[in-house]
Amino acid sequence: MYSEKIRYIGCDDATLDLFESQYPLSEGMCYNSYLLCGEKTAVMDSVDARKTDEWLQKLKAESEKLNTTIDYLIVQHMEPDHSGSIGAFLQQYPNATIVGSKAALQFMEQFGYKPQNTLLIKAGDTLDLGGLTLQFIAAPMVHWPEVMMSYCPEEKTLFSADAFGSFGVHNAHPDNWTDEARRYYTNICGKYGVPVSMVLSKIHTLDLQTIAPLHGCVLDGEQMAEAVRLYDIWSSYRIESEGVLVAHASIHGNTAKVAHRVAKALRAKGMEVKEIDLCRSDVSEAVSQAFRYGKMVLCASSYDSGVFPPMHIFLYKLGIKGYQSRRVALVENGTWAPTAGKTMRSMLETMKNIDIADPTLSIRSAWKEEYEEQLQTLVEKI
């Protein structure tokens, strides 16, 4: 419970190994849901179908404590990890009114949910619960087109849908919010920086004490202020940390050895360096670190007249997530007909405002001292 009038009824999904069937989870995920208790009672979003029974039990227990009926289900976001229990909710509370945007109600029908009572809302509308008010803020493409956020002025709380979320179970490691929130944002919302910035401009006008997202911990105090600051940076594709990501994709280890030399030389210049082995680290973490830093060195083996697939996948992911406005240097390796550099360059050139440092450092098979001068040149350029 966060206050007398806002009760937490979300669920941890500690055994979930992949979010959206693609992002690894070391500690599972949570689906946050809230019960708002005015003269009328509203539920803020449902949960994934994996946790339907637990969620309904929590909802029933809280409503019985309050001796109240459930009047509304607010649907801020129709992605199945938040809408997957709507059908079961309607069976248990058939007279409740489902509140959502035009697109949300349309998506609801597409998912096969048929509520008896609906209330169409749009940006600027309010819902009076008696002692609590919800003001609705349109948040299209954060990160689906139907998204609404809800602000409760009496509690100074913003229900932010997927924005300000993070991977992990509820309140597992609040001190580690930044790393998992960055990985969550860059991989899920990264493409939609402009819409996120537009919503942030609306949030800045609110009297806020608490942000209650649909994933991760509830934010308040200094942590909330830091989250808003970081979202300003991430959504505008600005640099969060001065430093360099050195990412390598090496078949037999020789390219990795060159990458380690590059990282060592950069550190000798006093730069912060993050090394990632793309063959062994999940690509979502690599994407997160690429967005974090302003500079990057890519080191890859040539493969099938192109580039080694772990690097190809990484660059593909960066492209679809909107990676931009960064400086990048290239290191390729090839025993014959090196092609990694050309392939990496062609993929980077499809991205916005990428400054590629020339020349590419081209290694034949393995490191030799004759490459040292070229390596130092690359370090100076980055």
Protein backbone atom coordinates (compact mmCIF):
# COMPACT_ATOMS: atom_id res chain seq x y z
CA MET A 1 0.00 0.00 0.00
CA TYR A 2 1.39 3.44 -0.95
CA SER A 3 -1.30 5.49 0.74
CA GLU A 4 -4.75 5.04 2.23
CA LYS A 5 -6.23 5.74 -1.18
CA ILE A 6 -3.76 3.95 -3.46
CA ARG A 7 -3.21 0.23 -2.90
CA TYR A 8 -0.63 -1.86 -4.76
CA ILE A 9 -2.10 -5.04 -6.25
CA GLY A 10 0.63 -5.89 -8.76
CA CYS A 11 2.33 -9.25 -9.17
CA ASP A 12 5.92 -10.48 -9.44
CA ASP A 13 6.68 -13.00 -12.18
CA ALA A 14 9.94 -14.31 -10.75
CA THR A 15 10.23 -17.33 -13.07
CA LEU A 16 9.91 -15.39 -16.34
CA ASP A 17 13.21 -15.74 -18.21
CA LEU A 18 12.54 -13.57 -21.27
CA PHE A 19 10.55 -10.34 -21.45
CA GLU A 20 8.74 -9.92 -24.78
CA SER A 21 10.33 -13.32 -25.60
CA GLN A 22 13.65 -11.59 -26.30
CA TYR A 23 15.11 -9.70 -23.30
CA PRO A 24 16.82 -11.91 -20.68
CA LEU A 25 15.70 -11.47 -17.09
CA SER A 26 17.95 -12.48 -14.22
CA GLU A 27 15.31 -11.87 -11.56
CA GLY A 28 12.02 -12.03 -13.44
CA MET A 29 9.58 -9.19 -14.06
CA CYS A 30 6.71 -7.48 -12.31
CA TYR A 31 3.35 -6.28 -13.59
CA ASN A 32 2.22 -3.31 -11.54
CA SER A 33 -1.44 -2.65 -10.91
CA TYR A 34 -3.04 -0.21 -8.48
CA LEU A 35 -6.38 0.13 -6.72
CA LEU A 36 -7.60 3.72 -6.33
CA CYS A 37 -10.03 4.14 -3.48
CA GLY A 38 -12.30 7.18 -3.61
CA GLU A 39 -16.06 7.17 -3.19
CA LYS A 40 -15.82 5.05 -6.31
CA THR A 41 -13.11 2.49 -6.87
CA ALA A 42 -10.89 2.13 -9.93
CA VAL A 43 -8.28 -0.43 -10.89
CA MET A 44 -5.27 0.93 -12.78
CA ASP A 45 -4.42 -1.68 -15.45
CA SER A 46 -4.49 -5.45 -15.26
CA VAL A 47 -1.57 -7.91 -15.48
CA ASP A 48 -0.14 -10.60 -17.72
CA ALA A 49 -2.23 -13.76 -18.07
CA ARG A 50 0.52 -15.70 -16.27
CA LYS A 51 -0.54 -13.92 -13.07
CA THR A 52 -4.30 -13.56 -13.52
CA ASP A 53 -5.35 -15.68 -10.53
CA GLU A 54 -2.93 -14.00 -8.12
CA TRP A 55 -3.98 -10.56 -9.29
CA LEU A 56 -7.69 -11.25 -8.95
CA GLN A 57 -7.12 -12.65 -5.45
CA LYS A 58 -5.29 -9.47 -4.44
CA LEU A 59 -8.00 -7.30 -5.96
CA LYS A 60 -10.73 -9.28 -4.16
CA ALA A 61 -8.92 -9.10 -0.82
CA GLU A 62 -8.43 -5.34 -1.01
CA SER A 63 -11.99 -4.63 -2.16
CA GLU A 64 -13.37 -6.77 0.68
CA LYS A 65 -11.25 -4.83 3.20
CA LEU A 66 -12.79 -1.64 1.84
CA ASN A 67 -16.24 -3.19 1.54
CA THR A 68 -16.56 -1.69 -1.92
CA THR A 69 -17.47 -2.65 -5.45
CA ILE A 70 -15.13 -2.20 -8.41
CA ASP A 71 -16.47 0.62 -10.56
CA TYR A 72 -13.75 1.11 -13.19
CA LEU A 73 -10.82 -0.59 -14.86
CA ILE A 74 -8.51 2.06 -16.33
CA VAL A 75 -6.71 0.63 -19.37
CA GLN A 76 -3.66 2.78 -20.02
CA HIS A 77 -1.88 0.28 -22.25
CA MET A 78 -3.16 -2.72 -24.21
CA GLU A 79 0.07 -4.70 -24.56
CA PRO A 80 -0.70 -8.25 -23.34
CA ASP A 81 1.56 -8.06 -20.28
CA HIS A 82 -0.90 -5.44 -18.97
CA SER A 83 -4.15 -6.41 -20.69
CA GLY A 84 -3.85 -10.20 -20.46
CA SER A 85 -6.24 -10.42 -17.48
CA ILE A 86 -9.02 -8.19 -18.83
CA GLY A 87 -11.12 -11.15 -19.92
CA ALA A 88 -10.99 -12.76 -16.48
CA PHE A 89 -11.68 -9.37 -14.86
CA LEU A 90 -14.82 -8.94 -16.97
CA GLN A 91 -16.08 -12.35 -15.93
CA GLN A 92 -15.70 -11.46 -12.25
CA TYR A 93 -16.77 -7.80 -12.51
CA PRO A 94 -19.14 -7.65 -15.51
CA ASN A 95 -20.72 -4.35 -14.44
CA ALA A 96 -17.42 -2.47 -14.16
CA THR A 97 -16.81 0.27 -16.72
CA ILE A 98 -13.71 -0.12 -18.87
CA VAL A 99 -11.98 3.22 -19.40
CA GLY A 100 -9.63 3.71 -22.34
CA SER A 101 -8.63 5.74 -25.37
CA LYS A 102 -10.25 5.18 -28.75
CA ALA A 103 -7.30 3.07 -29.89
CA ALA A 104 -7.27 1.10 -26.62
CA LEU A 105 -10.94 0.18 -27.00
CA GLN A 106 -10.31 -0.82 -30.60
CA PHE A 107 -7.34 -3.00 -29.62
CA MET A 108 -9.45 -4.52 -26.84
CA GLU A 109 -11.92 -5.77 -29.42
CA GLN A 110 -9.07 -7.11 -31.56
CA PHE A 111 -7.81 -9.11 -28.57
CA GLY A 112 -11.30 -10.55 -28.12
CA TYR A 113 -12.47 -8.65 -25.01
CA LYS A 114 -16.09 -7.43 -25.08
CA PRO A 115 -16.96 -5.28 -22.05
CA GLN A 116 -20.58 -4.34 -21.42
CA ASN A 117 -19.72 -0.83 -20.29
CA THR A 118 -16.99 1.41 -21.71
CA LEU A 119 -15.94 5.01 -21.23
CA LEU A 120 -14.00 6.63 -24.07
CA ILE A 121 -11.42 9.13 -22.86
CA LYS A 122 -9.07 11.52 -24.61
CA ALA A 123 -6.27 13.84 -23.58
CA GLY A 124 -7.43 16.43 -21.06
CA ASP A 125 -10.45 14.44 -19.86
CA THR A 126 -10.94 13.83 -16.14
CA LEU A 127 -12.63 11.12 -14.12
CA ASP A 128 -14.04 12.02 -10.70
CA LEU A 129 -13.86 9.11 -8.25
CA GLY A 130 -15.09 11.17 -5.32
CA GLY A 131 -12.15 12.44 -3.32
CA LEU A 132 -9.76 11.38 -6.08
CA THR A 133 -9.51 12.72 -9.60
CA LEU A 134 -7.75 11.27 -12.62
CA GLN A 135 -6.52 13.60 -15.33
CA PHE A 136 -5.66 11.80 -18.57
CA ILE A 137 -2.53 12.58 -20.57
CA ALA A 138 -2.15 11.22 -24.10
CA ALA A 139 1.15 9.39 -24.57
CA PRO A 140 0.95 7.95 -28.10
CA MET A 141 3.93 5.80 -29.16
CA VAL A 142 5.27 5.50 -25.64
CA HIS A 143 5.52 2.90 -26.91
CA TRP A 144 2.16 1.90 -28.47
CA PRO A 145 -0.27 4.38 -30.09
CA GLU A 146 -3.12 3.91 -27.58
CA VAL A 147 -1.18 4.76 -24.41
CA MET A 148 -2.62 7.11 -21.83
CA MET A 149 -1.03 8.24 -18.58
CA SER A 150 -3.13 9.24 -15.57
CA TYR A 151 -2.36 11.97 -13.03
CA CYS A 152 -4.01 12.07 -9.61
CA PRO A 153 -3.54 15.61 -8.21
CA GLU A 154 -4.85 14.76 -4.73
CA GLU A 155 -2.08 12.17 -4.30
CA LYS A 156 0.41 14.00 -6.57
CA THR A 157 0.94 10.69 -8.35
CA LEU A 158 1.52 10.00 -12.03
CA PHE A 159 0.53 6.57 -13.31
CA SER A 160 3.03 6.52 -16.17
CA ALA A 161 2.14 3.33 -18.08
CA ASP A 162 5.36 1.75 -19.44
CA ALA A 163 7.38 4.96 -19.07
CA PHE A 164 9.85 4.98 -16.15
CA GLY A 165 9.67 1.19 -15.98
CA SER A 166 12.52 -1.24 -15.49
CA PHE A 167 13.27 -4.94 -15.66
CA GLY A 168 13.10 -7.04 -12.50
CA VAL A 169 10.59 -7.88 -9.80
CA HIS A 170 8.90 -5.14 -7.81
CA ASN A 171 11.33 -3.23 -5.58
CA ALA A 172 13.96 -5.99 -5.79
CA HIS A 173 16.96 -3.66 -6.15
CA PRO A 174 15.82 -0.03 -6.16
CA ASP A 175 19.47 1.10 -5.96
CA ASN A 176 20.11 -0.58 -9.31
CA TRP A 177 17.25 1.21 -11.01
CA THR A 178 19.36 3.08 -13.54
CA ASP A 179 21.02 0.09 -15.23
CA GLU A 180 17.86 -1.97 -15.68
CA ALA A 181 15.75 1.10 -16.52
CA ARG A 182 18.27 2.13 -19.19
CA ARG A 183 18.25 -1.36 -20.70
CA TYR A 184 14.45 -1.31 -20.59
CA TYR A 185 14.13 2.16 -22.14
CA THR A 186 16.71 1.85 -24.91
CA ASN A 187 15.51 -1.54 -26.10
CA ILE A 188 11.77 -0.92 -25.84
CA CYS A 189 11.22 2.83 -26.18
CA GLY A 190 14.53 3.85 -27.78
CA LYS A 191 13.05 4.43 -31.22
CA TYR A 192 10.39 6.75 -29.84
CA GLY A 193 12.46 9.57 -28.39
CA VAL A 194 10.37 12.37 -29.90
CA PRO A 195 7.04 11.12 -28.49
CA VAL A 196 8.69 10.51 -25.11
CA SER A 197 10.06 14.06 -25.10
CA MET A 198 6.61 15.45 -25.89
CA VAL A 199 5.10 13.63 -22.92
CA LEU A 200 7.95 14.76 -20.65
CA SER A 201 7.14 18.37 -21.48
CA LYS A 202 3.65 17.75 -20.07
CA ILE A 203 4.95 15.96 -17.00
CA HIS A 204 7.24 18.86 -16.08
CA THR A 205 4.15 21.01 -15.41
CA LEU A 206 2.71 18.61 -12.83
CA ASP A 207 3.08 18.81 -9.04
CA LEU A 208 4.64 15.38 -8.59
CA GLN A 209 5.64 13.38 -5.55
CA THR A 210 5.37 9.87 -7.00
CA ILE A 211 5.65 8.12 -10.36
CA ALA A 212 3.93 4.73 -10.49
CA PRO A 213 4.96 2.79 -13.63
CA LEU A 214 3.65 -0.54 -14.89
CA HIS A 215 7.01 -2.27 -14.37
CA GLY A 216 9.68 -1.88 -11.71
CA CYS A 217 9.65 0.12 -8.51
CA VAL A 218 7.49 3.11 -7.65
CA LEU A 219 9.63 6.25 -7.78
CA ASP A 220 9.66 9.16 -5.37
CA GLY A 221 12.02 11.73 -3.90
CA GLU A 222 15.55 11.95 -5.33
CA GLN A 223 15.11 8.73 -7.29
CA MET A 224 12.09 10.18 -9.10
CA ALA A 225 13.99 13.38 -9.93
CA GLU A 226 16.92 11.35 -11.25
CA ALA A 227 14.58 9.21 -13.37
CA VAL A 228 13.05 12.31 -14.98
CA ARG A 229 16.54 13.73 -15.59
CA LEU A 230 17.67 10.53 -17.29
CA TYR A 231 14.53 10.31 -19.42
CA ASP A 232 15.26 13.83 -20.65
CA ILE A 233 18.72 12.64 -21.74
CA TRP A 234 17.63 9.32 -23.21
CA SER A 235 14.67 10.67 -25.16
CA SER A 236 16.76 13.41 -26.78
CA TYR A 237 19.60 10.94 -27.61
CA ARG A 238 22.07 13.00 -25.62
CA ILE A 239 25.15 11.48 -24.00
CA GLU A 240 24.57 10.13 -20.50
CA SER A 241 28.21 9.29 -19.66
CA GLU A 242 31.45 10.54 -21.18
CA GLY A 243 33.33 7.47 -22.29
CA VAL A 244 33.71 4.76 -24.93
CA LEU A 245 32.04 1.45 -25.56
CA VAL A 246 34.43 -1.10 -27.09
CA ALA A 247 32.27 -3.87 -28.54
CA HIS A 248 33.85 -6.88 -30.23
CA ALA A 249 32.71 -9.94 -32.15
CA SER A 250 35.61 -12.38 -32.47
CA ILE A 251 35.51 -15.88 -33.95
CA HIS A 252 38.72 -17.39 -32.56
CA GLY A 253 39.85 -14.69 -30.15
CA ASN A 254 42.32 -12.66 -32.24
CA THR A 255 39.90 -9.80 -32.83
CA ALA A 256 39.06 -9.78 -29.12
CA LYS A 257 42.77 -9.38 -28.31
CA VAL A 258 42.92 -6.32 -30.55
CA ALA A 259 39.80 -4.92 -28.86
CA HIS A 260 41.49 -5.33 -25.47
CA ARG A 261 44.51 -3.38 -26.79
CA VAL A 262 42.22 -0.60 -28.00
CA ALA A 263 40.48 -0.45 -24.61
CA LYS A 264 43.82 -0.36 -22.77
CA ALA A 265 45.09 2.45 -24.98
CA LEU A 266 41.90 4.46 -24.42
CA ARG A 267 42.15 4.01 -20.66
CA ALA A 268 45.76 5.22 -20.84
CA LYS A 269 44.31 8.46 -22.23
CA GLY A 270 42.14 8.77 -19.14
CA MET A 271 38.90 7.71 -20.79
CA GLU A 272 36.16 5.63 -19.18
CA VAL A 273 35.85 2.41 -21.20
CA LYS A 274 33.21 -0.30 -21.20
CA GLU A 275 34.13 -3.54 -23.01
CA ILE A 276 31.44 -5.92 -24.26
CA ASP A 277 31.91 -9.29 -25.93
CA LEU A 278 29.00 -9.44 -28.36
CA CYS A 279 29.35 -13.21 -28.62
CA ARG A 280 28.70 -13.70 -24.91
CA SER A 281 26.76 -10.69 -23.70
CA ASP A 282 23.10 -10.22 -24.49
CA VAL A 283 22.55 -7.71 -27.26
CA SER A 284 20.09 -5.73 -25.10
CA GLU A 285 22.91 -4.84 -22.70
CA ALA A 286 25.17 -3.84 -25.59
CA VAL A 287 22.44 -1.58 -27.01
CA SER A 288 21.97 -0.01 -23.58
CA GLN A 289 25.68 0.80 -23.24
CA ALA A 290 25.89 2.14 -26.80
CA PHE A 291 23.15 4.65 -25.99
CA ARG A 292 24.84 5.49 -22.69
CA TYR A 293 28.20 6.58 -24.11
CA GLY A 294 28.99 9.15 -26.76
CA LYS A 295 31.69 7.12 -28.51
CA MET A 296 32.10 3.54 -29.64
CA VAL A 297 34.76 1.31 -31.16
CA LEU A 298 33.49 -1.71 -33.09
CA CYS A 299 35.91 -4.62 -33.58
CA ALA A 300 34.73 -7.51 -35.73
CA SER A 301 35.89 -10.46 -37.77
CA SER A 302 34.98 -10.76 -41.42
CA TYR A 303 32.53 -13.55 -42.16
CA ASP A 304 30.85 -14.86 -45.33
CA SER A 305 31.79 -11.71 -47.28
CA GLY A 306 30.28 -9.57 -44.55
CA VAL A 307 30.68 -9.24 -40.80
CA PHE A 308 30.54 -11.85 -38.02
CA PRO A 309 26.80 -12.27 -37.15
CA PRO A 310 26.96 -11.12 -33.50
CA MET A 311 28.15 -7.71 -34.75
CA HIS A 312 25.56 -7.69 -37.53
CA ILE A 313 22.78 -8.37 -35.03
CA PHE A 314 24.07 -5.63 -32.72
CA LEU A 315 24.17 -3.03 -35.49
CA TYR A 316 20.75 -4.12 -36.75
CA LYS A 317 19.34 -3.63 -33.25
CA LEU A 318 20.97 -0.22 -32.92
CA GLY A 319 19.44 0.82 -36.22
CA ILE A 320 15.87 -0.15 -35.38
CA LYS A 321 16.14 1.42 -31.92
CA GLY A 322 17.10 4.83 -33.29
CA TYR A 323 20.80 4.98 -32.38
CA GLN A 324 22.13 8.37 -33.47
CA SER A 325 24.45 11.31 -32.88
CA ARG A 326 27.51 9.32 -31.85
CA ARG A 327 31.16 8.95 -32.96
CA VAL A 328 32.27 5.47 -34.00
CA ALA A 329 35.62 3.93 -34.99
CA LEU A 330 36.04 0.59 -36.74
CA VAL A 331 38.45 -2.32 -36.43
CA GLU A 332 38.17 -5.24 -38.84
CA ASN A 333 39.96 -8.56 -39.07
CA GLY A 334 40.25 -10.83 -42.07
CA THR A 335 42.75 -13.47 -43.14
CA TRP A 336 41.83 -12.83 -46.75
CA ALA A 337 39.56 -10.20 -48.37
CA PRO A 338 38.54 -8.36 -45.16
CA THR A 339 34.90 -7.24 -45.39
CA ALA A 340 33.88 -6.48 -41.82
CA GLY A 341 34.77 -2.79 -41.98
CA LYS A 342 32.83 -2.12 -45.16
CA THR A 343 29.79 -3.96 -43.83
CA MET A 344 29.82 -2.18 -40.48
CA ARG A 345 30.21 1.17 -42.20
CA SER A 346 27.28 0.54 -44.54
CA MET A 347 25.03 -0.32 -41.59
CA LEU A 348 26.13 2.72 -39.59
CA GLU A 349 25.54 5.01 -42.56
CA THR A 350 21.82 4.21 -42.41
CA MET A 351 21.67 5.76 -38.92
CA LYS A 352 21.25 9.45 -38.12
CA ASN A 353 24.24 11.69 -37.41
CA ILE A 354 26.83 8.95 -36.99
CA ASP A 355 30.37 10.33 -37.31
CA ILE A 356 32.61 7.48 -38.49
CA ALA A 357 36.27 8.03 -37.67
CA ASP A 358 38.67 7.22 -40.52
CA PRO A 359 40.63 5.21 -41.30
CA THR A 360 39.42 1.74 -40.35
CA LEU A 361 42.09 -0.31 -38.58
CA SER A 362 42.42 -3.46 -40.69
CA ILE A 363 44.08 -6.50 -39.11
CA ARG A 364 45.20 -9.53 -41.07
CA SER A 365 44.61 -12.65 -38.97
CA ALA A 366 46.36 -11.63 -35.73
CA TRP A 367 47.97 -8.69 -33.94
CA LYS A 368 51.49 -7.63 -34.92
CA GLU A 369 53.50 -4.74 -33.56
CA GLU A 370 53.39 -3.11 -36.99
CA TYR A 371 49.74 -2.22 -36.27
CA GLU A 372 50.59 -0.19 -33.16
CA GLU A 373 50.90 3.15 -34.94
CA GLN A 374 47.53 2.65 -36.67
CA LEU A 375 45.95 1.70 -33.35
CA GLN A 376 47.25 4.88 -31.74
CA THR A 377 45.84 6.89 -34.65
CA LEU A 378 42.43 5.30 -34.11
CA VAL A 379 42.61 6.09 -30.40
CA GLU A 380 43.40 9.73 -31.16
CA LYS A 381 40.49 9.93 -33.61
CA ILE A 382 37.99 8.53 -31.10
